[in-house]
Each structure stands twice: as structure tokens, then as C-alpha cells.
Amino acid sequence: MIKETMKYHKKIDIVLENISKVMIGKQDETVLSLVALLAQGHVLFEDVPGVGKTMLVRALAKSLDCDFRRIQFTPDLLPSDITGISIYNPKEMEFEYRPGPLLGNVVLADEINRSSPKTQSSLLEGMEEKRVTVDGNTVLLQRPFFVMATQNPVEFEGTYPLPEAQLDRFLLKLKLGYPTLEEELEMLERTTKNHPIESLQSVISKAELITLQEEVKEIYIDQSIQWYILKLVSSTRNHHAIHFGASPRASIALMKASQAFAFVKGRDYVLPDDVKYLTPFVLSHRITLTHEATYDGVDREQTIVSIIKNTNIPIRRKFSG
């Protein structure tokens, strides 16, 4: 298994190297985006405008030989603009389904929180069940199917906070932050003439990507680490600062993300450190703080970090034979 993992790991390195032609710095966020893709999950980027959220999504999409669709969310966007619509064909005397942009392989939902909750909810079925229902007809989505959404902080004008059910569909929630001065200087030098995103080429085929996703499922995760995941998630359900804790979907998400992270790192097994590193990205957006905690300025990420510190790490691995 380890030989197969290392063989596929070379493909991952090629993708990361390709994205680095566009993205300066932000290696961790790039790796985590790839982790979500390999785990067949979805990513939500939240940050101020202009720090490269959309550019990272475009760079990853262009590195894959997949059907890329971009949806610019605006206040007047309708659910049918995303899922598609049935149009009457007078010649055939029947309705024909015209697919929307959601029926692609890699979908960029840009500024998702600028549309109403009704429009945001049109993504729910597709993100969870890999299908959409239009006028009573169910249409299966293509494989692979990967949603990368960007949103501005809720403090910005003209934004609608994502409902908890929508947030729970995202495997990871990431933030890019501002670049360093050195990184920003290199950014200026690279974009003096043409932007490098325009010349970026795909380096991995759709079939290869699907194979990588299947290989991730074979990554070994010991039962002691599964218990560690359950302890972390269950701790969010009885924490004094948390009103609503993470659901069982969060446990599954953390396990799958850990398998994909180990795969990206070239291992065929999951370490407790993998789980520990990924937990804030997987759980922070899945909890709701109490009113008292919010009033006191408690941060979601800090709350998850405190849970990690107070949860014992498994140190013994059981072998069966």
C-alpha cells in the first residue's frame, strides 16, 4: 500500500507545484483545499475581499482537467439560476431540463453570502447527496463534484449569514489573511505584464483525480484515533460556551479529512497529529456559541483549541493478528 501511496503522492506534488505558480505563500491553505477535494468534501473561504480567495479556487480548478463552473452570487440570484430550469419545448410538446452551473465538476460559489438564504439553500442537496431535484426530476451530478465557496465576513454590508445547515455541508472553513510585504512584492512582480493564472495548464486528468479519491478511502485509521475523533466532537456538545455542538456528520468529516491529509503527506495511515491539526478547520464553523460567550468576545476557533488541549491524545496503537 505504501508504494501505491507514494506513486500517487507524486501527482499531488505536481498539483501543488502548479498552484504555486499563481499563489504566493498560503501553502497550508492550498494543501487543505486539496485535502477537501480528495476527501470528496467542500471548502468555504471567509476573508476580506482581495486577498486571493477566488484566485486560489481558480488555480486549483485550472490544475484539474475538469469541467469548471463559476457562480457569482448576487442578491437577485434565484435557485433556478444554480440548479437549472425546465423549459417548455413547443415542438416536442414537453418540458426540457436545462442544467444550471451546479452541474459541473468544480464549482466556484463566489461571494455566496451575498445571496438570500433561499438561494443559498439550493446548494444543499447537491453538496450532500451529489444530486439535484428540479420539478420533481432528480439529476445526478458528475464525478468528481467539488464546491469551493468564498464569502465576505458577516460584518460587511449586503451579506446574509449562512444557515447552520449550509455551513455543516462544508468539510473545511479556511481563511487566507493578508500576505507579508515580501509576498506582496513578489505578487506585484509576477503580475507586471500578464497574470500567471491565464497561462496555467491542467496537470491531472479527471480519471486520475477520481482514482486518488478512491485511494484516500483505503488509508488506515486505527480505532483509537477514531475514539479520539469522537471525544473531540462530543466535547463540543457539553462545553459551557457552546450552545449547539457538532453533529455526527462532523465526526465523519474529521475522519475523512484526516485520511486525505495523511494521503497528501505520503502516508498510508492516520496519526493523532493529523486529527489535532485539522480539528479547528473542521469543527469551528459547526458550533454555535452561547449568547453569554458571544457577548464576552469568545472566539469559535479558540474554543475548539481549548477542547483539543483538554482531550487526551491516544498514545497506544492496537494491532490485530
Protein backbone atom coordinates (compact mmCIF):
# COMPACT_ATOMS: atom_id res chain seq x y z
CA MET A 1 0.00 0.00 0.00
CA ILE A 2 2.79 2.44 0.86
CA LYS A 3 4.32 2.05 -2.61
CA GLU A 4 0.99 2.88 -4.21
CA THR A 5 0.56 5.85 -1.90
CA MET A 6 3.98 7.24 -2.82
CA LYS A 7 3.23 6.77 -6.52
CA TYR A 8 0.04 8.79 -6.26
CA HIS A 9 1.74 11.30 -3.96
CA LYS A 10 3.86 12.44 -6.90
CA LYS A 11 0.67 13.56 -8.64
CA ILE A 12 -0.27 15.60 -5.60
CA ASP A 13 3.13 17.32 -5.59
CA ILE A 14 2.64 18.23 -9.25
CA VAL A 15 -0.72 19.84 -8.49
CA LEU A 16 0.67 21.80 -5.53
CA GLU A 17 3.62 22.98 -7.60
CA ASN A 18 1.28 24.10 -10.37
CA ILE A 19 -0.86 26.13 -7.97
CA SER A 20 2.26 27.77 -6.51
CA LYS A 21 2.82 29.44 -9.88
CA VAL A 22 -0.19 31.60 -9.06
CA MET A 23 -0.44 31.60 -5.27
CA ILE A 24 2.43 33.14 -3.32
CA GLY A 25 2.66 31.80 0.18
CA LYS A 26 -0.55 30.23 1.53
CA GLN A 27 0.92 26.72 1.23
CA ASP A 28 -1.11 25.43 4.17
CA GLU A 29 -4.38 26.70 2.73
CA THR A 30 -3.52 25.20 -0.66
CA VAL A 31 -2.81 21.80 0.90
CA LEU A 32 -6.04 21.93 2.91
CA SER A 33 -8.02 22.76 -0.23
CA LEU A 34 -6.56 19.69 -1.89
CA VAL A 35 -7.35 17.65 1.23
CA ALA A 36 -11.02 18.61 0.95
CA LEU A 37 -11.05 17.73 -2.74
CA LEU A 38 -9.53 14.28 -2.14
CA ALA A 39 -11.90 13.64 0.77
CA GLN A 40 -14.83 14.48 -1.55
CA GLY A 41 -15.83 17.37 0.67
CA HIS A 42 -16.26 21.09 0.06
CA VAL A 43 -14.41 24.23 1.18
CA LEU A 44 -15.61 27.61 2.44
CA PHE A 45 -13.18 30.54 2.33
CA GLU A 46 -14.03 33.51 4.54
CA ASP A 47 -11.92 36.64 4.44
CA VAL A 48 -11.89 40.25 3.38
CA PRO A 49 -12.06 40.97 -0.38
CA GLY A 50 -8.89 40.93 -2.45
CA VAL A 51 -6.66 38.52 -0.51
CA GLY A 52 -6.76 35.76 -3.14
CA LYS A 53 -9.74 33.55 -2.21
CA THR A 54 -11.12 33.37 -5.74
CA MET A 55 -7.64 33.14 -7.25
CA LEU A 56 -6.80 30.04 -5.19
CA VAL A 57 -10.05 28.40 -6.28
CA ARG A 58 -9.37 29.22 -9.94
CA ALA A 59 -5.79 27.96 -9.71
CA LEU A 60 -6.91 24.64 -8.26
CA ALA A 61 -9.71 24.31 -10.82
CA LYS A 62 -7.37 25.04 -13.74
CA SER A 63 -4.90 22.46 -12.44
CA LEU A 64 -7.57 19.80 -12.88
CA ASP A 65 -8.81 18.63 -16.26
CA CYS A 66 -12.40 19.00 -15.08
CA ASP A 67 -15.49 20.96 -16.02
CA PHE A 68 -15.23 24.27 -14.14
CA ARG A 69 -18.27 26.44 -13.39
CA ARG A 70 -18.39 29.79 -11.66
CA ILE A 71 -21.47 31.25 -9.96
CA GLN A 72 -21.38 34.88 -8.92
CA PHE A 73 -23.84 35.15 -6.04
CA THR A 74 -25.83 38.40 -6.03
CA PRO A 75 -28.99 39.50 -4.16
CA ASP A 76 -31.18 38.87 -7.24
CA LEU A 77 -29.86 35.36 -7.94
CA LEU A 78 -32.57 32.67 -7.94
CA PRO A 79 -32.28 28.96 -7.03
CA SER A 80 -33.14 28.00 -10.63
CA ASP A 81 -30.14 30.04 -11.79
CA ILE A 82 -28.00 27.50 -9.96
CA THR A 83 -29.74 24.13 -10.32
CA GLY A 84 -31.25 24.68 -13.77
CA ILE A 85 -34.79 25.02 -15.05
CA SER A 86 -37.36 23.15 -17.13
CA ILE A 87 -38.35 24.97 -20.32
CA TYR A 88 -41.33 24.02 -22.48
CA ASN A 89 -40.42 22.83 -25.98
CA PRO A 90 -43.43 23.50 -28.25
CA LYS A 91 -42.01 21.29 -31.00
CA GLU A 92 -41.78 18.22 -28.75
CA MET A 93 -44.74 19.37 -26.64
CA GLU A 94 -42.89 18.63 -23.42
CA PHE A 95 -40.67 20.28 -20.87
CA GLU A 96 -36.90 20.01 -21.27
CA TYR A 97 -34.43 20.34 -18.43
CA ARG A 98 -31.69 22.92 -18.98
CA PRO A 99 -28.92 22.24 -16.47
CA GLY A 100 -27.54 25.07 -14.35
CA PRO A 101 -23.90 25.76 -13.43
CA LEU A 102 -24.15 23.44 -10.42
CA LEU A 103 -23.82 20.51 -12.81
CA GLY A 104 -20.06 20.84 -13.19
CA ASN A 105 -17.07 19.10 -11.62
CA VAL A 106 -15.52 22.06 -9.83
CA VAL A 107 -17.98 24.79 -8.86
CA LEU A 108 -16.88 28.18 -7.57
CA ALA A 109 -19.63 29.79 -5.50
CA ASP A 110 -18.22 33.30 -5.34
CA GLU A 111 -19.40 35.59 -2.51
CA ILE A 112 -22.01 33.04 -1.51
CA ASN A 113 -23.33 35.12 1.37
CA ARG A 114 -24.43 37.99 -0.88
CA SER A 115 -27.50 35.98 -1.92
CA SER A 116 -30.58 35.28 0.15
CA PRO A 117 -30.81 32.11 2.30
CA LYS A 118 -33.36 30.74 -0.17
CA THR A 119 -30.79 30.85 -2.96
CA GLN A 120 -28.02 29.56 -0.72
CA SER A 121 -30.14 26.53 0.17
CA SER A 122 -30.25 25.46 -3.48
CA LEU A 123 -26.75 24.04 -2.95
CA LEU A 124 -27.72 21.81 -0.02
CA GLU A 125 -28.93 18.72 -1.88
CA GLY A 126 -26.11 18.80 -4.39
CA MET A 127 -23.36 19.21 -1.78
CA GLU A 128 -24.64 16.41 0.44
CA GLU A 129 -26.28 13.90 -1.90
CA LYS A 130 -24.50 14.67 -5.19
CA ARG A 131 -27.79 15.25 -6.99
CA VAL A 132 -30.37 17.97 -7.65
CA THR A 133 -34.14 17.79 -7.90
CA VAL A 134 -35.87 20.09 -10.38
CA ASP A 135 -39.65 19.94 -10.96
CA GLY A 136 -39.78 16.51 -9.38
CA ASN A 137 -37.00 15.08 -11.53
CA THR A 138 -33.72 14.00 -9.95
CA VAL A 139 -30.47 14.63 -11.81
CA LEU A 140 -27.24 13.01 -10.64
CA LEU A 141 -24.18 15.24 -10.51
CA GLN A 142 -20.93 14.35 -12.23
CA ARG A 143 -17.91 12.84 -10.52
CA PRO A 144 -15.86 14.43 -9.16
CA PHE A 145 -18.07 17.14 -7.66
CA PHE A 146 -16.37 19.82 -5.60
CA VAL A 147 -17.76 23.14 -4.35
CA MET A 148 -15.38 25.89 -3.29
CA ALA A 149 -17.26 28.86 -1.90
CA THR A 150 -15.99 32.29 -0.88
CA GLN A 151 -17.70 34.70 1.44
CA ASN A 152 -17.02 38.09 2.94
CA PRO A 153 -17.14 38.49 6.73
CA VAL A 154 -20.71 38.91 8.00
CA GLU A 155 -19.80 42.37 9.29
CA PHE A 156 -19.73 43.60 5.68
CA GLU A 157 -22.82 45.30 4.26
CA GLY A 158 -25.10 43.32 1.96
CA THR A 159 -24.29 39.90 3.38
CA TYR A 160 -26.58 37.14 4.66
CA PRO A 161 -25.11 34.76 7.26
CA LEU A 162 -25.06 31.17 6.04
CA PRO A 163 -27.56 28.96 7.91
CA GLU A 164 -26.11 26.28 10.18
CA ALA A 165 -27.33 23.52 7.86
CA GLN A 166 -25.45 25.12 4.97
CA LEU A 167 -22.24 25.55 6.97
CA ASP A 168 -22.39 21.91 8.03
CA ARG A 169 -22.07 20.86 4.38
CA PHE A 170 -18.58 22.34 4.13
CA LEU A 171 -15.80 19.97 5.16
CA LEU A 172 -13.37 22.82 5.92
CA LYS A 173 -13.61 26.52 6.57
CA LEU A 174 -10.41 28.43 5.78
CA LYS A 175 -9.04 31.96 5.99
CA LEU A 176 -6.17 33.32 3.91
CA GLY A 177 -5.24 36.53 5.68
CA TYR A 178 -3.06 39.31 4.31
CA PRO A 179 0.27 38.43 2.66
CA THR A 180 3.61 39.56 4.04
CA LEU A 181 5.29 42.55 2.39
CA GLU A 182 7.79 40.23 0.70
CA GLU A 183 4.98 38.05 -0.68
CA GLU A 184 3.07 41.09 -1.88
CA LEU A 185 6.18 42.44 -3.62
CA GLU A 186 6.60 39.14 -5.47
CA MET A 187 2.92 39.36 -6.35
CA LEU A 188 3.48 42.74 -8.00
CA GLU A 189 6.48 41.44 -9.94
CA ARG A 190 4.58 38.41 -11.25
CA THR A 191 1.62 40.47 -12.44
CA THR A 192 3.55 43.32 -14.10
CA LYS A 193 2.55 42.06 -17.55
CA ASN A 194 0.17 39.12 -17.61
CA HIS A 195 -1.38 37.34 -14.66
CA PRO A 196 0.06 33.81 -14.27
CA ILE A 197 -3.47 32.35 -13.91
CA GLU A 198 -4.01 32.97 -17.63
CA SER A 199 -1.24 30.56 -18.67
CA LEU A 200 -1.91 27.88 -16.05
CA GLN A 201 -2.48 24.41 -17.53
CA SER A 202 -4.16 21.31 -16.14
CA VAL A 203 -1.74 18.72 -14.75
CA ILE A 204 -4.10 15.93 -13.65
CA SER A 205 -6.97 14.27 -15.50
CA LYS A 206 -10.47 13.66 -14.23
CA ALA A 207 -9.90 9.89 -14.16
CA GLU A 208 -6.69 10.32 -12.15
CA LEU A 209 -8.46 12.56 -9.65
CA ILE A 210 -11.24 10.01 -9.14
CA THR A 211 -8.60 7.31 -8.61
CA LEU A 212 -6.89 9.47 -5.96
CA GLN A 213 -10.22 9.97 -4.19
CA GLU A 214 -10.76 6.22 -4.09
CA GLU A 215 -7.25 5.63 -2.77
CA VAL A 216 -7.88 8.02 0.12
CA LYS A 217 -10.64 5.72 1.38
CA GLU A 218 -8.03 2.97 1.86
CA ILE A 219 -5.90 5.00 4.27
CA TYR A 220 -5.77 3.12 7.59
CA ILE A 221 -7.21 4.82 10.65
CA ASP A 222 -6.86 2.98 13.95
CA GLN A 223 -9.85 2.59 16.24
CA SER A 224 -8.01 4.50 18.98
CA ILE A 225 -7.82 7.50 16.64
CA GLN A 226 -11.49 7.11 15.79
CA TRP A 227 -12.21 7.29 19.52
CA TYR A 228 -10.04 10.41 19.69
CA ILE A 229 -12.18 11.99 16.97
CA LEU A 230 -15.38 11.08 18.82
CA LYS A 231 -14.06 12.55 22.07
CA LEU A 232 -13.21 15.83 20.36
CA VAL A 233 -16.59 16.10 18.67
CA SER A 234 -18.61 15.02 21.72
CA SER A 235 -16.77 17.60 23.84
CA THR A 236 -18.39 20.35 21.78
CA ARG A 237 -21.82 19.10 22.89
CA ASN A 238 -21.31 19.70 26.60
CA HIS A 239 -18.95 22.68 26.59
CA HIS A 240 -20.14 25.58 28.73
CA ALA A 241 -19.52 28.16 25.97
CA ILE A 242 -21.22 26.18 23.19
CA HIS A 243 -24.98 26.23 22.66
CA PHE A 244 -25.10 23.74 19.77
CA GLY A 245 -22.27 21.27 19.37
CA ALA A 246 -21.04 19.43 16.29
CA SER A 247 -23.19 16.65 14.83
CA PRO A 248 -22.18 13.08 13.84
CA ARG A 249 -21.60 14.47 10.35
CA ALA A 250 -18.67 16.37 11.87
CA SER A 251 -17.15 13.12 13.17
CA ILE A 252 -17.31 11.58 9.71
CA ALA A 253 -15.92 14.77 8.16
CA LEU A 254 -12.97 14.85 10.55
CA MET A 255 -12.17 11.21 9.88
CA LYS A 256 -12.29 11.62 6.09
CA ALA A 257 -10.26 14.81 6.22
CA SER A 258 -7.63 13.04 8.35
CA GLN A 259 -7.38 10.20 5.83
CA ALA A 260 -6.94 12.67 2.97
CA PHE A 261 -4.36 14.69 4.92
CA ALA A 262 -2.30 11.57 5.64
CA PHE A 263 -2.52 10.66 1.94
CA VAL A 264 -1.29 14.11 0.89
CA LYS A 265 1.62 13.73 3.33
CA GLY A 266 2.59 10.43 1.69
CA ARG A 267 1.44 8.07 4.46
CA ASP A 268 -0.99 5.14 4.35
CA TYR A 269 -2.10 5.63 7.96
CA VAL A 270 -3.53 8.45 10.08
CA LEU A 271 -1.66 9.94 13.02
CA PRO A 272 -3.27 11.67 16.04
CA ASP A 273 -1.40 14.82 14.99
CA ASP A 274 -3.33 14.78 11.70
CA VAL A 275 -6.60 14.91 13.61
CA LYS A 276 -5.30 17.54 16.02
CA TYR A 277 -4.17 19.81 13.18
CA LEU A 278 -7.41 19.52 11.19
CA THR A 279 -9.91 19.81 14.06
CA PRO A 280 -10.15 23.65 14.12
CA PHE A 281 -10.78 23.76 10.35
CA VAL A 282 -13.44 21.04 10.53
CA LEU A 283 -15.28 21.93 13.75
CA SER A 284 -15.10 25.71 14.23
CA HIS A 285 -17.88 26.52 11.74
CA ARG A 286 -20.08 23.67 13.01
CA ILE A 287 -20.65 25.02 16.51
CA THR A 288 -22.86 27.80 17.84
CA LEU A 289 -21.68 29.74 20.87
CA THR A 290 -23.98 30.75 23.72
CA HIS A 291 -25.16 34.36 23.90
CA GLU A 292 -23.07 34.89 27.01
CA ALA A 293 -19.92 33.61 25.29
CA THR A 294 -20.57 35.77 22.25
CA TYR A 295 -21.14 38.82 24.45
CA ASP A 296 -17.86 38.11 26.27
CA GLY A 297 -16.00 38.02 22.96
CA VAL A 298 -15.28 34.29 22.96
CA ASP A 299 -13.93 33.05 19.63
CA ARG A 300 -15.05 29.78 17.99
CA GLU A 301 -11.53 28.80 16.98
CA GLN A 302 -10.19 29.50 20.48
CA THR A 303 -12.96 27.35 21.95
CA ILE A 304 -12.04 24.42 19.70
CA VAL A 305 -8.34 24.86 20.53
CA SER A 306 -9.16 24.69 24.26
CA ILE A 307 -11.10 21.45 23.65
CA ILE A 308 -8.09 19.98 21.83
CA LYS A 309 -5.79 20.90 24.72
CA ASN A 310 -8.11 19.22 27.24
CA THR A 311 -8.55 16.00 25.25
CA ASN A 312 -6.02 13.21 25.76
CA ILE A 313 -4.18 12.07 22.63
CA PRO A 314 -4.12 8.29 22.04
CA ILE A 315 -0.58 7.02 22.52
CA ARG A 316 -1.01 3.27 22.08
CA ARG A 317 -1.78 1.58 18.80
CA LYS A 318 -3.53 -1.80 18.77
CA PHE A 319 -2.53 -4.43 16.26
CA SER A 320 -4.74 -7.32 15.19
CA GLY A 321 -3.22 -10.56 14.08
